[in-house]
PDB file of N, CA and C in Angstrom:
ATOM      1  N   MET A   1      24.256   4.546 -42.397  1.00  0.00           N
ATOM      2  CA  MET A   1      24.753   5.776 -41.817  1.00  0.00           C
ATOM      3  C   MET A   1      24.441   6.916 -42.771  1.00  0.00           C
ATOM      4  N   LYS A   2      23.778   7.915 -42.257  1.00  0.00           N
ATOM      5  CA  LYS A   2      23.473   9.089 -43.067  1.00  0.00           C
ATOM      6  C   LYS A   2      24.737   9.920 -43.223  1.00  0.00           C
ATOM      7  N   LYS A   3      24.837  10.571 -44.350  1.00  0.00           N
ATOM      8  CA  LYS A   3      25.991  11.431 -44.603  1.00  0.00           C
ATOM      9  C   LYS A   3      25.517  12.871 -44.742  1.00  0.00           C
ATOM     10  N   ALA A   4      26.315  13.771 -44.239  1.00  0.00           N
ATOM     11  CA  ALA A   4      26.041  15.183 -44.467  1.00  0.00           C
ATOM     12  C   ALA A   4      26.306  15.452 -45.944  1.00  0.00           C
ATOM     13  N   GLY A   5      26.011  16.625 -46.401  1.00  0.00           N
ATOM     14  CA  GLY A   5      26.095  16.953 -47.817  1.00  0.00           C
ATOM     15  C   GLY A   5      27.382  16.566 -48.525  1.00  0.00           C
ATOM     16  N   ILE A   6      28.523  16.543 -47.852  1.00  0.00           N
ATOM     17  CA  ILE A   6      29.789  16.263 -48.541  1.00  0.00           C
ATOM     18  C   ILE A   6      30.389  14.915 -48.139  1.00  0.00           C
ATOM     19  N   GLY A   7      29.556  13.993 -47.686  1.00  0.00           N
ATOM     20  CA  GLY A   7      30.036  12.647 -47.370  1.00  0.00           C
ATOM     21  C   GLY A   7      30.600  12.491 -45.970  1.00  0.00           C
ATOM     22  N   ILE A   8      30.343  13.454 -45.099  1.00  0.00           N
ATOM     23  CA  ILE A   8      30.814  13.382 -43.713  1.00  0.00           C
ATOM     24  C   ILE A   8      29.677  12.851 -42.848  1.00  0.00           C
ATOM     25  N   PRO A   9      29.951  11.909 -41.941  1.00  0.00           N
ATOM     26  CA  PRO A   9      28.883  11.413 -41.066  1.00  0.00           C
ATOM     27  C   PRO A   9      28.237  12.558 -40.281  1.00  0.00           C
ATOM     28  N   THR A  10      26.936  12.434 -40.075  1.00  0.00           N
ATOM     29  CA  THR A  10      26.224  13.480 -39.335  1.00  0.00           C
ATOM     30  C   THR A  10      26.663  13.492 -37.875  1.00  0.00           C
ATOM     31  N   ILE A  11      26.337  14.557 -37.184  1.00  0.00           N
ATOM     32  CA  ILE A  11      26.690  14.705 -35.770  1.00  0.00           C
ATOM     33  C   ILE A  11      26.067  13.566 -34.961  1.00  0.00           C
ATOM     34  N   GLN A  12      24.831  13.206 -35.256  1.00  0.00           N
ATOM     35  CA  GLN A  12      24.174  12.116 -34.528  1.00  0.00           C
ATOM     36  C   GLN A  12      24.921  10.802 -34.714  1.00  0.00           C
ATOM     37  N   ASP A  13      25.350  10.529 -35.937  1.00  0.00           N
ATOM     38  CA  ASP A  13      26.094   9.293 -36.202  1.00  0.00           C
ATOM     39  C   ASP A  13      27.437   9.297 -35.490  1.00  0.00           C
ATOM     40  N   ARG A  14      28.103  10.439 -35.479  1.00  0.00           N
ATOM     41  CA  ARG A  14      29.383  10.533 -34.764  1.00  0.00           C
ATOM     42  C   ARG A  14      29.179  10.308 -33.273  1.00  0.00           C
ATOM     43  N   ALA A  15      28.107  10.846 -32.725  1.00  0.00           N
ATOM     44  CA  ALA A  15      27.807  10.662 -31.301  1.00  0.00           C
ATOM     45  C   ALA A  15      27.535   9.190 -31.006  1.00  0.00           C
ATOM     46  N   ARG A  16      26.784   8.523 -31.870  1.00  0.00           N
ATOM     47  CA  ARG A  16      26.514   7.090 -31.683  1.00  0.00           C
ATOM     48  C   ARG A  16      27.802   6.269 -31.764  1.00  0.00           C
ATOM     49  N   GLN A  17      28.664   6.595 -32.716  1.00  0.00           N
ATOM     50  CA  GLN A  17      29.940   5.888 -32.845  1.00  0.00           C
ATOM     51  C   GLN A  17      30.776   6.054 -31.581  1.00  0.00           C
ATOM     52  N   ALA A  18      30.827   7.253 -31.043  1.00  0.00           N
ATOM     53  CA  ALA A  18      31.600   7.513 -29.825  1.00  0.00           C
ATOM     54  C   ALA A  18      31.009   6.751 -28.641  1.00  0.00           C
ATOM     55  N   LEU A  19      29.681   6.658 -28.569  1.00  0.00           N
ATOM     56  CA  LEU A  19      29.023   5.936 -27.494  1.00  0.00           C
ATOM     57  C   LEU A  19      29.357   4.447 -27.549  1.00  0.00           C
ATOM     58  N   VAL A  20      29.281   3.867 -28.736  1.00  0.00           N
ATOM     59  CA  VAL A  20      29.597   2.443 -28.904  1.00  0.00           C
ATOM     60  C   VAL A  20      31.067   2.196 -28.586  1.00  0.00           C
ATOM     61  N   LYS A  21      31.936   3.074 -29.062  1.00  0.00           N
ATOM     62  CA  LYS A  21      33.376   2.921 -28.785  1.00  0.00           C
ATOM     63  C   LYS A  21      33.655   2.971 -27.289  1.00  0.00           C
ATOM     64  N   SER A  22      33.054   3.918 -26.600  1.00  0.00           N
ATOM     65  CA  SER A  22      33.310   4.038 -25.162  1.00  0.00           C
ATOM     66  C   SER A  22      32.739   2.857 -24.380  1.00  0.00           C
ATOM     67  N   ALA A  23      31.718   2.208 -24.926  1.00  0.00           N
ATOM     68  CA  ALA A  23      31.141   1.038 -24.254  1.00  0.00           C
ATOM     69  C   ALA A  23      31.973  -0.225 -24.500  1.00  0.00           C
ATOM     70  N   LEU A  24      32.490  -0.387 -25.707  1.00  0.00           N
ATOM     71  CA  LEU A  24      33.195  -1.616 -26.079  1.00  0.00           C
ATOM     72  C   LEU A  24      34.696  -1.590 -25.806  1.00  0.00           C
ATOM     73  N   GLU A  25      35.306  -0.437 -25.935  1.00  0.00           N
ATOM     74  CA  GLU A  25      36.763  -0.348 -25.867  1.00  0.00           C
ATOM     75  C   GLU A  25      37.380  -0.894 -24.571  1.00  0.00           C
ATOM     76  N   PRO A  26      36.861  -0.567 -23.395  1.00  0.00           N
ATOM     77  CA  PRO A  26      37.514  -1.074 -22.170  1.00  0.00           C
ATOM     78  C   PRO A  26      37.577  -2.596 -22.105  1.00  0.00           C
ATOM     79  N   GLU A  27      36.511  -3.269 -22.495  1.00  0.00           N
ATOM     80  CA  GLU A  27      36.509  -4.735 -22.450  1.00  0.00           C
ATOM     81  C   GLU A  27      37.478  -5.322 -23.470  1.00  0.00           C
ATOM     82  N   TRP A  28      37.468  -4.802 -24.676  1.00  0.00           N
ATOM     83  CA  TRP A  28      38.329  -5.366 -25.713  1.00  0.00           C
ATOM     84  C   TRP A  28      39.787  -5.005 -25.496  1.00  0.00           C
ATOM     85  N   GLU A  29      40.070  -3.826 -24.977  1.00  0.00           N
ATOM     86  CA  GLU A  29      41.460  -3.434 -24.688  1.00  0.00           C
ATOM     87  C   GLU A  29      42.090  -4.404 -23.704  1.00  0.00           C
ATOM     88  N   SER A  30      41.331  -4.855 -22.739  1.00  0.00           N
ATOM     89  CA  SER A  30      41.877  -5.758 -21.721  1.00  0.00           C
ATOM     90  C   SER A  30      42.223  -7.131 -22.297  1.00  0.00           C
ATOM     91  N   ARG A  31      41.672  -7.460 -23.450  1.00  0.00           N
ATOM     92  CA  ARG A  31      41.936  -8.771 -24.067  1.00  0.00           C
ATOM     93  C   ARG A  31      43.190  -8.786 -24.943  1.00  0.00           C
ATOM     94  N   PHE A  32      43.669  -7.629 -25.334  1.00  0.00           N
ATOM     95  CA  PHE A  32      44.828  -7.573 -26.215  1.00  0.00           C
ATOM     96  C   PHE A  32      46.114  -7.830 -25.439  1.00  0.00           C
ATOM     97  N   GLU A  33      47.092  -8.360 -26.129  1.00  0.00           N
ATOM     98  CA  GLU A  33      48.416  -8.561 -25.535  1.00  0.00           C
ATOM     99  C   GLU A  33      49.034  -7.200 -25.222  1.00  0.00           C
ATOM    100  N   SER A  34      49.813  -7.153 -24.170  1.00  0.00           N
ATOM    101  CA  SER A  34      50.451  -5.889 -23.801  1.00  0.00           C
ATOM    102  C   SER A  34      51.495  -5.464 -24.830  1.00  0.00           C
ATOM    103  N   THR A  35      51.937  -6.395 -25.655  1.00  0.00           N
ATOM    104  CA  THR A  35      52.947  -6.089 -26.665  1.00  0.00           C
ATOM    105  C   THR A  35      52.335  -5.724 -28.018  1.00  0.00           C
ATOM    106  N   SER A  36      51.013  -5.591 -28.071  1.00  0.00           N
ATOM    107  CA  SER A  36      50.334  -5.206 -29.301  1.00  0.00           C
ATOM    108  C   SER A  36      50.255  -3.689 -29.378  1.00  0.00           C
ATOM    109  N   TYR A  37      50.621  -3.122 -30.526  1.00  0.00           N
ATOM    110  CA  TYR A  37      50.670  -1.667 -30.644  1.00  0.00           C
ATOM    111  C   TYR A  37      49.789  -1.099 -31.748  1.00  0.00           C
ATOM    112  N   GLY A  38      49.354  -1.894 -32.693  1.00  0.00           N
ATOM    113  CA  GLY A  38      48.634  -1.376 -33.850  1.00  0.00           C
ATOM    114  C   GLY A  38      47.265  -0.814 -33.533  1.00  0.00           C
ATOM    115  N   PHE A  39      47.029   0.426 -33.877  1.00  0.00           N
ATOM    116  CA  PHE A  39      45.737   1.092 -33.768  1.00  0.00           C
ATOM    117  C   PHE A  39      45.148   1.019 -32.366  1.00  0.00           C
ATOM    118  N   ARG A  40      45.986   1.184 -31.344  1.00  0.00           N
ATOM    119  CA  ARG A  40      45.501   1.166 -29.970  1.00  0.00           C
ATOM    120  C   ARG A  40      45.670   2.530 -29.349  1.00  0.00           C
ATOM    121  N   PRO A  41      44.697   2.925 -28.533  1.00  0.00           N
ATOM    122  CA  PRO A  41      44.779   4.258 -27.917  1.00  0.00           C
ATOM    123  C   PRO A  41      45.988   4.372 -26.998  1.00  0.00           C
ATOM    124  N   GLY A  42      46.656   5.501 -27.094  1.00  0.00           N
ATOM    125  CA  GLY A  42      47.806   5.752 -26.236  1.00  0.00           C
ATOM    126  C   GLY A  42      49.076   5.038 -26.641  1.00  0.00           C
ATOM    127  N   ARG A  43      49.091   4.416 -27.816  1.00  0.00           N
ATOM    128  CA  ARG A  43      50.286   3.719 -28.293  1.00  0.00           C
ATOM    129  C   ARG A  43      50.628   4.208 -29.691  1.00  0.00           C
ATOM    130  N   SER A  44      51.914   4.262 -29.964  1.00  0.00           N
ATOM    131  CA  SER A  44      52.337   4.782 -31.263  1.00  0.00           C
ATOM    132  C   SER A  44      53.420   3.890 -31.855  1.00  0.00           C
ATOM    133  N   ALA A  45      53.788   4.197 -33.074  1.00  0.00           N
ATOM    134  CA  ALA A  45      54.875   3.467 -33.722  1.00  0.00           C
ATOM    135  C   ALA A  45      56.181   3.667 -32.948  1.00  0.00           C
ATOM    136  N   GLN A  46      56.362   4.851 -32.385  1.00  0.00           N
ATOM    137  CA  GLN A  46      57.560   5.121 -31.599  1.00  0.00           C
ATOM    138  C   GLN A  46      57.607   4.237 -30.348  1.00  0.00           C
ATOM    139  N   ASP A  47      56.447   3.988 -29.740  1.00  0.00           N
ATOM    140  CA  ASP A  47      56.386   3.084 -28.580  1.00  0.00           C
ATOM    141  C   ASP A  47      56.812   1.671 -28.978  1.00  0.00           C
ATOM    142  N   ALA A  48      56.339   1.219 -30.138  1.00  0.00           N
ATOM    143  CA  ALA A  48      56.699  -0.119 -30.612  1.00  0.00           C
ATOM    144  C   ALA A  48      58.195  -0.213 -30.889  1.00  0.00           C
ATOM    145  N   ILE A  49      58.752   0.814 -31.503  1.00  0.00           N
ATOM    146  CA  ILE A  49      60.191   0.823 -31.792  1.00  0.00           C
ATOM    147  C   ILE A  49      60.986   0.810 -30.493  1.00  0.00           C
ATOM    148  N   GLY A  50      60.559   1.572 -29.518  1.00  0.00           N
ATOM    149  CA  GLY A  50      61.225   1.575 -28.218  1.00  0.00           C
ATOM    150  C   GLY A  50      61.192   0.203 -27.567  1.00  0.00           C
ATOM    151  N   ARG A  51      60.070  -0.480 -27.695  1.00  0.00           N
ATOM    152  CA  ARG A  51      59.952  -1.832 -27.130  1.00  0.00           C
ATOM    153  C   ARG A  51      60.904  -2.798 -27.842  1.00  0.00           C
ATOM    154  N   ILE A  52      61.055  -2.644 -29.152  1.00  0.00           N
ATOM    155  CA  ILE A  52      61.971  -3.488 -29.926  1.00  0.00           C
ATOM    156  C   ILE A  52      63.409  -3.264 -29.462  1.00  0.00           C
ATOM    157  N   TYR A  53      63.803  -1.993 -29.318  1.00  0.00           N
ATOM    158  CA  TYR A  53      65.160  -1.701 -28.850  1.00  0.00           C
ATOM    159  C   TYR A  53      65.403  -2.268 -27.452  1.00  0.00           C
ATOM    160  N   ALA A  54      64.417  -2.158 -26.574  1.00  0.00           N
ATOM    161  CA  ALA A  54      64.554  -2.698 -25.212  1.00  0.00           C
ATOM    162  C   ALA A  54      64.741  -4.213 -25.259  1.00  0.00           C
ATOM    163  N   ALA A  55      63.986  -4.894 -26.132  1.00  0.00           N
ATOM    164  CA  ALA A  55      64.105  -6.346 -26.257  1.00  0.00           C
ATOM    165  C   ALA A  55      65.488  -6.731 -26.779  1.00  0.00           C
ATOM    166  N   ILE A  56      65.981  -5.995 -27.752  1.00  0.00           N
ATOM    167  CA  ILE A  56      67.312  -6.279 -28.301  1.00  0.00           C
ATOM    168  C   ILE A  56      68.379  -6.095 -27.229  1.00  0.00           C
ATOM    169  N   ASN A  57      68.262  -5.037 -26.433  1.00  0.00           N
ATOM    170  CA  ASN A  57      69.233  -4.782 -25.372  1.00  0.00           C
ATOM    171  C   ASN A  57      69.203  -5.855 -24.289  1.00  0.00           C
ATOM    172  N   LYS A  58      68.077  -6.551 -24.148  1.00  0.00           N
ATOM    173  CA  LYS A  58      67.972  -7.645 -23.174  1.00  0.00           C
ATOM    174  C   LYS A  58      68.410  -8.982 -23.770  1.00  0.00           C
ATOM    175  N   GLY A  59      68.826  -8.968 -25.034  1.00  0.00           N
ATOM    176  CA  GLY A  59      69.279 -10.196 -25.670  1.00  0.00           C
ATOM    177  C   GLY A  59      68.188 -10.966 -26.393  1.00  0.00           C
ATOM    178  N   GLN A  60      67.026 -10.385 -26.496  1.00  0.00           N
ATOM    179  CA  GLN A  60      65.932 -11.025 -27.236  1.00  0.00           C
ATOM    180  C   GLN A  60      66.014 -10.553 -28.688  1.00  0.00           C
ATOM    181  N   TYR A  61      66.230 -11.479 -29.581  1.00  0.00           N
ATOM    182  CA  TYR A  61      66.480 -11.087 -30.966  1.00  0.00           C
ATOM    183  C   TYR A  61      65.354 -11.446 -31.921  1.00  0.00           C
ATOM    184  N   TYR A  62      64.182 -11.729 -31.399  1.00  0.00           N
ATOM    185  CA  TYR A  62      63.055 -12.058 -32.258  1.00  0.00           C
ATOM    186  C   TYR A  62      61.978 -11.000 -32.120  1.00  0.00           C
ATOM    187  N   VAL A  63      61.544 -10.475 -33.254  1.00  0.00           N
ATOM    188  CA  VAL A  63      60.453  -9.512 -33.286  1.00  0.00           C
ATOM    189  C   VAL A  63      59.438 -10.050 -34.273  1.00  0.00           C
ATOM    190  N   LEU A  64      58.202 -10.147 -33.855  1.00  0.00           N
ATOM    191  CA  LEU A  64      57.146 -10.672 -34.709  1.00  0.00           C
ATOM    192  C   LEU A  64      56.286  -9.531 -35.220  1.00  0.00           C
ATOM    193  N   ASP A  65      56.103  -9.495 -36.516  1.00  0.00           N
ATOM    194  CA  ASP A  65      55.225  -8.511 -37.131  1.00  0.00           C
ATOM    195  C   ASP A  65      54.208  -9.287 -37.951  1.00  0.00           C
ATOM    196  N   ALA A  66      52.950  -9.092 -37.679  1.00  0.00           N
ATOM    197  CA  ALA A  66      51.912  -9.801 -38.406  1.00  0.00           C
ATOM    198  C   ALA A  66      50.820  -8.821 -38.805  1.00  0.00           C
ATOM    199  N   GLY A  67      50.207  -9.095 -39.884  1.00  0.00           N
ATOM    200  CA  GLY A  67      49.113  -8.230 -40.339  1.00  0.00           C
ATOM    201  C   GLY A  67      48.181  -9.014 -41.228  1.00  0.00           C
ATOM    202  N   ALA A  68      47.048  -8.449 -41.466  1.00  0.00           N
ATOM    203  CA  ALA A  68      46.062  -9.068 -42.347  1.00  0.00           C
ATOM    204  C   ALA A  68      45.699  -8.055 -43.414  1.00  0.00           C
ATOM    205  N   ARG A  69      45.575  -8.535 -44.599  1.00  0.00           N
ATOM    206  CA  ARG A  69      45.208  -7.663 -45.690  1.00  0.00           C
ATOM    207  C   ARG A  69      44.090  -8.304 -46.467  1.00  0.00           C
ATOM    208  N   ARG A  70      43.179  -7.521 -46.876  1.00  0.00           N
ATOM    209  CA  ARG A  70      42.077  -8.000 -47.698  1.00  0.00           C
ATOM    210  C   ARG A  70      42.565  -8.050 -49.135  1.00  0.00           C
ATOM    211  N   SER A  71      42.563  -9.236 -49.712  1.00  0.00           N
ATOM    212  CA  SER A  71      43.066  -9.348 -51.076  1.00  0.00           C
ATOM    213  C   SER A  71      42.078 -10.122 -51.937  1.00  0.00           C
ATOM    214  N   GLY A  72      41.487  -9.432 -52.874  1.00  0.00           N
ATOM    215  CA  GLY A  72      40.611 -10.060 -53.837  1.00  0.00           C
ATOM    216  C   GLY A  72      39.272 -10.510 -53.298  1.00  0.00           C
ATOM    217  N   MET A  73      38.945 -10.164 -52.093  1.00  0.00           N
ATOM    218  CA  MET A  73      37.653 -10.556 -51.535  1.00  0.00           C
ATOM    219  C   MET A  73      36.603  -9.572 -51.982  1.00  0.00           C
ATOM    220  N   LYS A  74      35.459 -10.081 -52.345  1.00  0.00           N
ATOM    221  CA  LYS A  74      34.354  -9.187 -52.797  1.00  0.00           C
ATOM    222  C   LYS A  74      33.099  -9.510 -52.067  1.00  0.00           C
TER     223      LYS A  74
END
């Protein structure tokens, strides 16, 4: 990826990224669980918190939080 003078992707690269995103996103979005909130369009931390409160009010007392972190990999 070419960078503009100060380390910002060029306009062409940004356009290509947007094109790839618009092509791939609909298919991959449909594969995610409806209860997944991390880094998804149209969803926020507030949405996740609201879902947790709704589950608690229905008597569901389990909330799963999972993540992956890169540690020591080179």
